[in-house]
Amino acid sequence: MVALFVGFILIAFTVFAALPPEVAGFGLGWGNDILLFLRGCMPILAAFIGLVSVFIGIADLKDKKEAKKEEEAAKAGAKKDS
């Protein structure tokens, strides 16, 4: 419940901060600064997401290779038992 309340408060603050006071009559007018920040962090964020994706892909390939080895070992064990 607290997380929901905090979430609503942060969303309201974000809207308040982005609204220009000239147009809405209230607000901080940080809209241009917010867009500048987003444009600046986008390449870094894209590189970070790409790096995480590569690590996840490598781990997935290792897991598939290990599962295939286990499956082959189980088949060999089943043939031995019969």
PDB file of N, CA and C in Angstrom:
ATOM      1  N   MET A   1       0.817  -1.186   0.000  1.00  0.00           N
ATOM      2  CA  MET A   1       0.000   0.000   0.000  1.00  0.00           C
ATOM      3  C   MET A   1       0.864   1.255   0.000  1.00  0.00           C
ATOM      4  N   VAL A   2       1.959   1.193   0.774  1.00  0.00           N
ATOM      5  CA  VAL A   2       2.862   2.334   0.853  1.00  0.00           C
ATOM      6  C   VAL A   2       3.515   2.569  -0.510  1.00  0.00           C
ATOM      7  N   ALA A   3       3.904   1.482  -1.182  1.00  0.00           N
ATOM      8  CA  ALA A   3       4.547   1.609  -2.493  1.00  0.00           C
ATOM      9  C   ALA A   3       3.603   2.263  -3.502  1.00  0.00           C
ATOM     10  N   LEU A   4       2.338   1.929  -3.436  1.00  0.00           N
ATOM     11  CA  LEU A   4       1.352   2.530  -4.336  1.00  0.00           C
ATOM     12  C   LEU A   4       1.219   4.029  -4.073  1.00  0.00           C
ATOM     13  N   PHE A   5       1.162   4.394  -2.818  1.00  0.00           N
ATOM     14  CA  PHE A   5       1.063   5.794  -2.433  1.00  0.00           C
ATOM     15  C   PHE A   5       2.305   6.572  -2.880  1.00  0.00           C
ATOM     16  N   VAL A   6       3.477   6.019  -2.634  1.00  0.00           N
ATOM     17  CA  VAL A   6       4.727   6.667  -3.044  1.00  0.00           C
ATOM     18  C   VAL A   6       4.789   6.781  -4.561  1.00  0.00           C
ATOM     19  N   GLY A   7       4.331   5.775  -5.260  1.00  0.00           N
ATOM     20  CA  GLY A   7       4.307   5.815  -6.715  1.00  0.00           C
ATOM     21  C   GLY A   7       3.443   6.942  -7.247  1.00  0.00           C
ATOM     22  N   PHE A   8       2.256   7.105  -6.683  1.00  0.00           N
ATOM     23  CA  PHE A   8       1.374   8.200  -7.102  1.00  0.00           C
ATOM     24  C   PHE A   8       1.991   9.567  -6.799  1.00  0.00           C
ATOM     25  N   ILE A   9       2.638   9.674  -5.659  1.00  0.00           N
ATOM     26  CA  ILE A   9       3.278  10.949  -5.288  1.00  0.00           C
ATOM     27  C   ILE A   9       4.400  11.269  -6.285  1.00  0.00           C
ATOM     28  N   LEU A  10       5.223  10.279  -6.636  1.00  0.00           N
ATOM     29  CA  LEU A  10       6.325  10.520  -7.564  1.00  0.00           C
ATOM     30  C   LEU A  10       5.826  10.848  -8.970  1.00  0.00           C
ATOM     31  N   ILE A  11       4.759  10.208  -9.395  1.00  0.00           N
ATOM     32  CA  ILE A  11       4.178  10.528 -10.708  1.00  0.00           C
ATOM     33  C   ILE A  11       3.628  11.952 -10.703  1.00  0.00           C
ATOM     34  N   ALA A  12       2.965  12.328  -9.632  1.00  0.00           N
ATOM     35  CA  ALA A  12       2.432  13.694  -9.536  1.00  0.00           C
ATOM     36  C   ALA A  12       3.561  14.715  -9.539  1.00  0.00           C
ATOM     37  N   PHE A  13       4.651  14.430  -8.835  1.00  0.00           N
ATOM     38  CA  PHE A  13       5.784  15.350  -8.834  1.00  0.00           C
ATOM     39  C   PHE A  13       6.410  15.460 -10.223  1.00  0.00           C
ATOM     40  N   THR A  14       6.500  14.347 -10.927  1.00  0.00           N
ATOM     41  CA  THR A  14       7.062  14.370 -12.270  1.00  0.00           C
ATOM     42  C   THR A  14       6.229  15.248 -13.190  1.00  0.00           C
ATOM     43  N   VAL A  15       4.931  15.111 -13.132  1.00  0.00           N
ATOM     44  CA  VAL A  15       4.052  15.948 -13.960  1.00  0.00           C
ATOM     45  C   VAL A  15       4.194  17.411 -13.554  1.00  0.00           C
ATOM     46  N   PHE A  16       4.218  17.676 -12.260  1.00  0.00           N
ATOM     47  CA  PHE A  16       4.376  19.045 -11.769  1.00  0.00           C
ATOM     48  C   PHE A  16       5.706  19.643 -12.226  1.00  0.00           C
ATOM     49  N   ALA A  17       6.775  18.860 -12.169  1.00  0.00           N
ATOM     50  CA  ALA A  17       8.094  19.354 -12.548  1.00  0.00           C
ATOM     51  C   ALA A  17       8.193  19.612 -14.047  1.00  0.00           C
ATOM     52  N   ALA A  18       7.506  18.838 -14.855  1.00  0.00           N
ATOM     53  CA  ALA A  18       7.619  18.968 -16.307  1.00  0.00           C
ATOM     54  C   ALA A  18       6.734  20.068 -16.866  1.00  0.00           C
ATOM     55  N   LEU A  19       5.663  20.434 -16.178  1.00  0.00           N
ATOM     56  CA  LEU A  19       4.738  21.449 -16.697  1.00  0.00           C
ATOM     57  C   LEU A  19       5.378  22.842 -16.688  1.00  0.00           C
ATOM     58  N   PRO A  20       5.238  23.563 -17.792  1.00  0.00           N
ATOM     59  CA  PRO A  20       5.743  24.944 -17.797  1.00  0.00           C
ATOM     60  C   PRO A  20       4.777  25.862 -17.046  1.00  0.00           C
ATOM     61  N   PRO A  21       5.280  26.714 -16.165  1.00  0.00           N
ATOM     62  CA  PRO A  21       4.379  27.574 -15.387  1.00  0.00           C
ATOM     63  C   PRO A  21       3.642  28.601 -16.243  1.00  0.00           C
ATOM     64  N   GLU A  22       4.200  28.969 -17.382  1.00  0.00           N
ATOM     65  CA  GLU A  22       3.544  29.954 -18.245  1.00  0.00           C
ATOM     66  C   GLU A  22       2.243  29.416 -18.833  1.00  0.00           C
ATOM     67  N   VAL A  23       2.233  28.143 -19.160  1.00  0.00           N
ATOM     68  CA  VAL A  23       1.071  27.533 -19.820  1.00  0.00           C
ATOM     69  C   VAL A  23       0.050  27.044 -18.799  1.00  0.00           C
ATOM     70  N   ALA A  24       0.520  26.296 -17.821  1.00  0.00           N
ATOM     71  CA  ALA A  24      -0.397  25.655 -16.882  1.00  0.00           C
ATOM     72  C   ALA A  24      -0.719  26.533 -15.679  1.00  0.00           C
ATOM     73  N   GLY A  25       0.086  27.563 -15.427  1.00  0.00           N
ATOM     74  CA  GLY A  25      -0.138  28.379 -14.252  1.00  0.00           C
ATOM     75  C   GLY A  25       0.574  27.854 -13.024  1.00  0.00           C
ATOM     76  N   PHE A  26       1.088  26.670 -13.102  1.00  0.00           N
ATOM     77  CA  PHE A  26       1.876  26.080 -12.018  1.00  0.00           C
ATOM     78  C   PHE A  26       2.859  25.104 -12.647  1.00  0.00           C
ATOM     79  N   GLY A  27       3.834  24.700 -11.895  1.00  0.00           N
ATOM     80  CA  GLY A  27       4.838  23.765 -12.389  1.00  0.00           C
ATOM     81  C   GLY A  27       6.222  24.364 -12.318  1.00  0.00           C
ATOM     82  N   LEU A  28       7.216  23.528 -12.506  1.00  0.00           N
ATOM     83  CA  LEU A  28       8.608  23.960 -12.405  1.00  0.00           C
ATOM     84  C   LEU A  28       9.226  24.278 -13.756  1.00  0.00           C
ATOM     85  N   GLY A  29       8.630  23.794 -14.830  1.00  0.00           N
ATOM     86  CA  GLY A  29       9.153  24.071 -16.162  1.00  0.00           C
ATOM     87  C   GLY A  29      10.424  23.318 -16.497  1.00  0.00           C
ATOM     88  N   TRP A  30      10.582  22.126 -15.955  1.00  0.00           N
ATOM     89  CA  TRP A  30      11.786  21.338 -16.211  1.00  0.00           C
ATOM     90  C   TRP A  30      11.661  20.465 -17.454  1.00  0.00           C
ATOM     91  N   GLY A  31      10.641  20.651 -18.250  1.00  0.00           N
ATOM     92  CA  GLY A  31      10.405  19.790 -19.411  1.00  0.00           C
ATOM     93  C   GLY A  31      11.588  19.711 -20.355  1.00  0.00           C
ATOM     94  N   ASN A  32      12.192  20.852 -20.695  1.00  0.00           N
ATOM     95  CA  ASN A  32      13.349  20.844 -21.604  1.00  0.00           C
ATOM     96  C   ASN A  32      14.549  20.158 -20.972  1.00  0.00           C
ATOM     97  N   ASP A  33      14.740  20.362 -19.669  1.00  0.00           N
ATOM     98  CA  ASP A  33      15.853  19.698 -18.977  1.00  0.00           C
ATOM     99  C   ASP A  33      15.655  18.183 -18.942  1.00  0.00           C
ATOM    100  N   ILE A  34      14.422  17.768 -18.752  1.00  0.00           N
ATOM    101  CA  ILE A  34      14.120  16.335 -18.735  1.00  0.00           C
ATOM    102  C   ILE A  34      14.415  15.720 -20.100  1.00  0.00           C
ATOM    103  N   LEU A  35      13.995  16.386 -21.163  1.00  0.00           N
ATOM    104  CA  LEU A  35      14.273  15.876 -22.511  1.00  0.00           C
ATOM    105  C   LEU A  35      15.766  15.855 -22.801  1.00  0.00           C
ATOM    106  N   LEU A  36      16.490  16.875 -22.359  1.00  0.00           N
ATOM    107  CA  LEU A  36      17.942  16.915 -22.550  1.00  0.00           C
ATOM    108  C   LEU A  36      18.611  15.756 -21.823  1.00  0.00           C
ATOM    109  N   PHE A  37      18.175  15.496 -20.603  1.00  0.00           N
ATOM    110  CA  PHE A  37      18.717  14.368 -19.839  1.00  0.00           C
ATOM    111  C   PHE A  37      18.438  13.044 -20.538  1.00  0.00           C
ATOM    112  N   LEU A  38      17.205  12.873 -21.020  1.00  0.00           N
ATOM    113  CA  LEU A  38      16.854  11.616 -21.695  1.00  0.00           C
ATOM    114  C   LEU A  38      17.676  11.425 -22.965  1.00  0.00           C
ATOM    115  N   ARG A  39      17.867  12.508 -23.727  1.00  0.00           N
ATOM    116  CA  ARG A  39      18.691  12.415 -24.934  1.00  0.00           C
ATOM    117  C   ARG A  39      20.137  12.089 -24.581  1.00  0.00           C
ATOM    118  N   GLY A  40      20.629  12.613 -23.478  1.00  0.00           N
ATOM    119  CA  GLY A  40      22.006  12.370 -23.071  1.00  0.00           C
ATOM    120  C   GLY A  40      22.240  10.964 -22.556  1.00  0.00           C
ATOM    121  N   CYS A  41      21.279  10.414 -21.863  1.00  0.00           N
ATOM    122  CA  CYS A  41      21.484   9.089 -21.269  1.00  0.00           C
ATOM    123  C   CYS A  41      21.081   7.953 -22.203  1.00  0.00           C
ATOM    124  N   MET A  42      20.433   8.273 -23.316  1.00  0.00           N
ATOM    125  CA  MET A  42      19.957   7.214 -24.205  1.00  0.00           C
ATOM    126  C   MET A  42      21.092   6.325 -24.751  1.00  0.00           C
ATOM    127  N   PRO A  43      22.221   6.873 -25.235  1.00  0.00           N
ATOM    128  CA  PRO A  43      23.289   5.991 -25.720  1.00  0.00           C
ATOM    129  C   PRO A  43      23.873   5.103 -24.620  1.00  0.00           C
ATOM    130  N   ILE A  44      24.016   5.655 -23.432  1.00  0.00           N
ATOM    131  CA  ILE A  44      24.552   4.861 -22.323  1.00  0.00           C
ATOM    132  C   ILE A  44      23.567   3.771 -21.935  1.00  0.00           C
ATOM    133  N   LEU A  45      22.301   4.100 -21.888  1.00  0.00           N
ATOM    134  CA  LEU A  45      21.274   3.114 -21.567  1.00  0.00           C
ATOM    135  C   LEU A  45      21.204   2.018 -22.630  1.00  0.00           C
ATOM    136  N   ALA A  46      21.312   2.418 -23.903  1.00  0.00           N
ATOM    137  CA  ALA A  46      21.284   1.433 -24.986  1.00  0.00           C
ATOM    138  C   ALA A  46      22.492   0.494 -24.895  1.00  0.00           C
ATOM    139  N   ALA A  47      23.672   1.047 -24.588  1.00  0.00           N
ATOM    140  CA  ALA A  47      24.859   0.207 -24.445  1.00  0.00           C
ATOM    141  C   ALA A  47      24.716  -0.755 -23.269  1.00  0.00           C
ATOM    142  N   PHE A  48      24.168  -0.275 -22.168  1.00  0.00           N
ATOM    143  CA  PHE A  48      23.976  -1.120 -20.993  1.00  0.00           C
ATOM    144  C   PHE A  48      22.994  -2.248 -21.281  1.00  0.00           C
ATOM    145  N   ILE A  49      21.886  -1.926 -21.918  1.00  0.00           N
ATOM    146  CA  ILE A  49      20.886  -2.946 -22.260  1.00  0.00           C
ATOM    147  C   ILE A  49      21.478  -3.954 -23.244  1.00  0.00           C
ATOM    148  N   GLY A  50      22.263  -3.466 -24.207  1.00  0.00           N
ATOM    149  CA  GLY A  50      22.915  -4.369 -25.152  1.00  0.00           C
ATOM    150  C   GLY A  50      23.889  -5.311 -24.463  1.00  0.00           C
ATOM    151  N   LEU A  51      24.663  -4.782 -23.515  1.00  0.00           N
ATOM    152  CA  LEU A  51      25.620  -5.608 -22.779  1.00  0.00           C
ATOM    153  C   LEU A  51      24.903  -6.676 -21.959  1.00  0.00           C
ATOM    154  N   VAL A  52      23.832  -6.296 -21.287  1.00  0.00           N
ATOM    155  CA  VAL A  52      23.052  -7.260 -20.505  1.00  0.00           C
ATOM    156  C   VAL A  52      22.450  -8.322 -21.428  1.00  0.00           C
ATOM    157  N   SER A  53      21.980  -7.915 -22.605  1.00  0.00           N
ATOM    158  CA  SER A  53      21.409  -8.870 -23.561  1.00  0.00           C
ATOM    159  C   SER A  53      22.448  -9.871 -24.032  1.00  0.00           C
ATOM    160  N   VAL A  54      23.670  -9.394 -24.274  1.00  0.00           N
ATOM    161  CA  VAL A  54      24.744 -10.298 -24.698  1.00  0.00           C
ATOM    162  C   VAL A  54      25.038 -11.309 -23.596  1.00  0.00           C
ATOM    163  N   PHE A  55      25.132 -10.845 -22.348  1.00  0.00           N
ATOM    164  CA  PHE A  55      25.385 -11.771 -21.241  1.00  0.00           C
ATOM    165  C   PHE A  55      24.256 -12.786 -21.086  1.00  0.00           C
ATOM    166  N   ILE A  56      23.026 -12.356 -21.233  1.00  0.00           N
ATOM    167  CA  ILE A  56      21.887 -13.273 -21.137  1.00  0.00           C
ATOM    168  C   ILE A  56      21.926 -14.279 -22.281  1.00  0.00           C
ATOM    169  N   GLY A  57      22.266 -13.827 -23.487  1.00  0.00           N
ATOM    170  CA  GLY A  57      22.366 -14.726 -24.637  1.00  0.00           C
ATOM    171  C   GLY A  57      23.446 -15.771 -24.446  1.00  0.00           C
ATOM    172  N   ILE A  58      24.606 -15.362 -23.927  1.00  0.00           N
ATOM    173  CA  ILE A  58      25.690 -16.320 -23.679  1.00  0.00           C
ATOM    174  C   ILE A  58      25.271 -17.335 -22.629  1.00  0.00           C
ATOM    175  N   ALA A  59      24.638 -16.877 -21.551  1.00  0.00           N
ATOM    176  CA  ALA A  59      24.176 -17.795 -20.504  1.00  0.00           C
ATOM    177  C   ALA A  59      23.133 -18.760 -21.058  1.00  0.00           C
ATOM    178  N   ASP A  60      22.265 -18.288 -21.943  1.00  0.00           N
ATOM    179  CA  ASP A  60      21.246 -19.145 -22.551  1.00  0.00           C
ATOM    180  C   ASP A  60      21.889 -20.218 -23.413  1.00  0.00           C
ATOM    181  N   LEU A  61      22.902 -19.838 -24.190  1.00  0.00           N
ATOM    182  CA  LEU A  61      23.602 -20.829 -25.018  1.00  0.00           C
ATOM    183  C   LEU A  61      24.295 -21.879 -24.153  1.00  0.00           C
ATOM    184  N   LYS A  62      24.905 -21.447 -23.052  1.00  0.00           N
ATOM    185  CA  LYS A  62      25.555 -22.405 -22.145  1.00  0.00           C
ATOM    186  C   LYS A  62      24.529 -23.350 -21.525  1.00  0.00           C
ATOM    187  N   ASP A  63      23.378 -22.805 -21.138  1.00  0.00           N
ATOM    188  CA  ASP A  63      22.328 -23.642 -20.542  1.00  0.00           C
ATOM    189  C   ASP A  63      21.804 -24.669 -21.542  1.00  0.00           C
ATOM    190  N   LYS A  64      21.612 -24.256 -22.784  1.00  0.00           N
ATOM    191  CA  LYS A  64      21.125 -25.189 -23.804  1.00  0.00           C
ATOM    192  C   LYS A  64      22.152 -26.281 -24.070  1.00  0.00           C
ATOM    193  N   LYS A  65      23.429 -25.905 -24.099  1.00  0.00           N
ATOM    194  CA  LYS A  65      24.491 -26.887 -24.329  1.00  0.00           C
ATOM    195  C   LYS A  65      24.545 -27.888 -23.170  1.00  0.00           C
ATOM    196  N   GLU A  66      24.412 -27.387 -21.948  1.00  0.00           N
ATOM    197  CA  GLU A  66      24.431 -28.264 -20.779  1.00  0.00           C
ATOM    198  C   GLU A  66      23.205 -29.178 -20.756  1.00  0.00           C
ATOM    199  N   ALA A  67      22.038 -28.648 -21.124  1.00  0.00           N
ATOM    200  CA  ALA A  67      20.820 -29.459 -21.150  1.00  0.00           C
ATOM    201  C   ALA A  67      20.936 -30.554 -22.202  1.00  0.00           C
ATOM    202  N   LYS A  68      21.567 -30.243 -23.333  1.00  0.00           N
ATOM    203  CA  LYS A  68      21.752 -31.241 -24.376  1.00  0.00           C
ATOM    204  C   LYS A  68      22.676 -32.357 -23.895  1.00  0.00           C
ATOM    205  N   LYS A  69      23.744 -31.982 -23.179  1.00  0.00           N
ATOM    206  CA  LYS A  69      24.657 -32.996 -22.632  1.00  0.00           C
ATOM    207  C   LYS A  69      23.936 -33.889 -21.628  1.00  0.00           C
ATOM    208  N   GLU A  70      23.119 -33.279 -20.770  1.00  0.00           N
ATOM    209  CA  GLU A  70      22.374 -34.063 -19.781  1.00  0.00           C
ATOM    210  C   GLU A  70      21.376 -34.993 -20.452  1.00  0.00           C
ATOM    211  N   GLU A  71      20.742 -34.520 -21.527  1.00  0.00           N
ATOM    212  CA  GLU A  71      19.782 -35.340 -22.255  1.00  0.00           C
ATOM    213  C   GLU A  71      20.492 -36.532 -22.905  1.00  0.00           C
ATOM    214  N   GLU A  72      21.662 -36.280 -23.486  1.00  0.00           N
ATOM    215  CA  GLU A  72      22.422 -37.373 -24.099  1.00  0.00           C
ATOM    216  C   GLU A  72      22.885 -38.372 -23.042  1.00  0.00           C
ATOM    217  N   ALA A  73      23.284 -37.870 -21.868  1.00  0.00           N
ATOM    218  CA  ALA A  73      23.703 -38.760 -20.788  1.00  0.00           C
ATOM    219  C   ALA A  73      22.523 -39.589 -20.288  1.00  0.00           C
ATOM    220  N   ALA A  74      21.354 -39.001 -20.236  1.00  0.00           N
ATOM    221  CA  ALA A  74      20.166 -39.739 -19.794  1.00  0.00           C
ATOM    222  C   ALA A  74      19.811 -40.820 -20.809  1.00  0.00           C
ATOM    223  N   LYS A  75      19.937 -40.530 -22.101  1.00  0.00           N
ATOM    224  CA  LYS A  75      19.659 -41.525 -23.143  1.00  0.00           C
ATOM    225  C   LYS A  75      20.679 -42.664 -23.057  1.00  0.00           C
ATOM    226  N   ALA A  76      21.947 -42.317 -22.836  1.00  0.00           N
ATOM    227  CA  ALA A  76      22.980 -43.355 -22.730  1.00  0.00           C
ATOM    228  C   ALA A  76      22.735 -44.226 -21.503  1.00  0.00           C
ATOM    229  N   GLY A  77      22.293 -43.626 -20.406  1.00  0.00           N
ATOM    230  CA  GLY A  77      21.984 -44.369 -19.197  1.00  0.00           C
ATOM    231  C   GLY A  77      20.780 -45.273 -19.384  1.00  0.00           C
ATOM    232  N   ALA A  78      19.801 -44.812 -20.167  1.00  0.00           N
ATOM    233  CA  ALA A  78      18.607 -45.616 -20.428  1.00  0.00           C
ATOM    234  C   ALA A  78      18.963 -46.806 -21.308  1.00  0.00           C
ATOM    235  N   LYS A  79      19.848 -46.622 -22.263  1.00  0.00           N
ATOM    236  CA  LYS A  79      20.267 -47.726 -23.127  1.00  0.00           C
ATOM    237  C   LYS A  79      21.064 -48.748 -22.344  1.00  0.00           C
ATOM    238  N   LYS A  80      21.866 -48.286 -21.382  1.00  0.00           N
ATOM    239  CA  LYS A  80      22.678 -49.173 -20.568  1.00  0.00           C
ATOM    240  C   LYS A  80      21.810 -50.048 -19.675  1.00  0.00           C
ATOM    241  N   ASP A  81      20.746 -49.454 -19.148  1.00  0.00           N
ATOM    242  CA  ASP A  81      19.854 -50.166 -18.235  1.00  0.00           C
ATOM    243  C   ASP A  81      19.026 -51.224 -18.943  1.00  0.00           C
ATOM    244  N   SER A  82      18.728 -51.056 -20.235  1.00  0.00           N
ATOM    245  CA  SER A  82      17.861 -52.016 -20.897  1.00  0.00           C
ATOM    246  C   SER A  82      18.597 -53.143 -21.488  1.00  0.00           C
TER     247      SER A  82
END
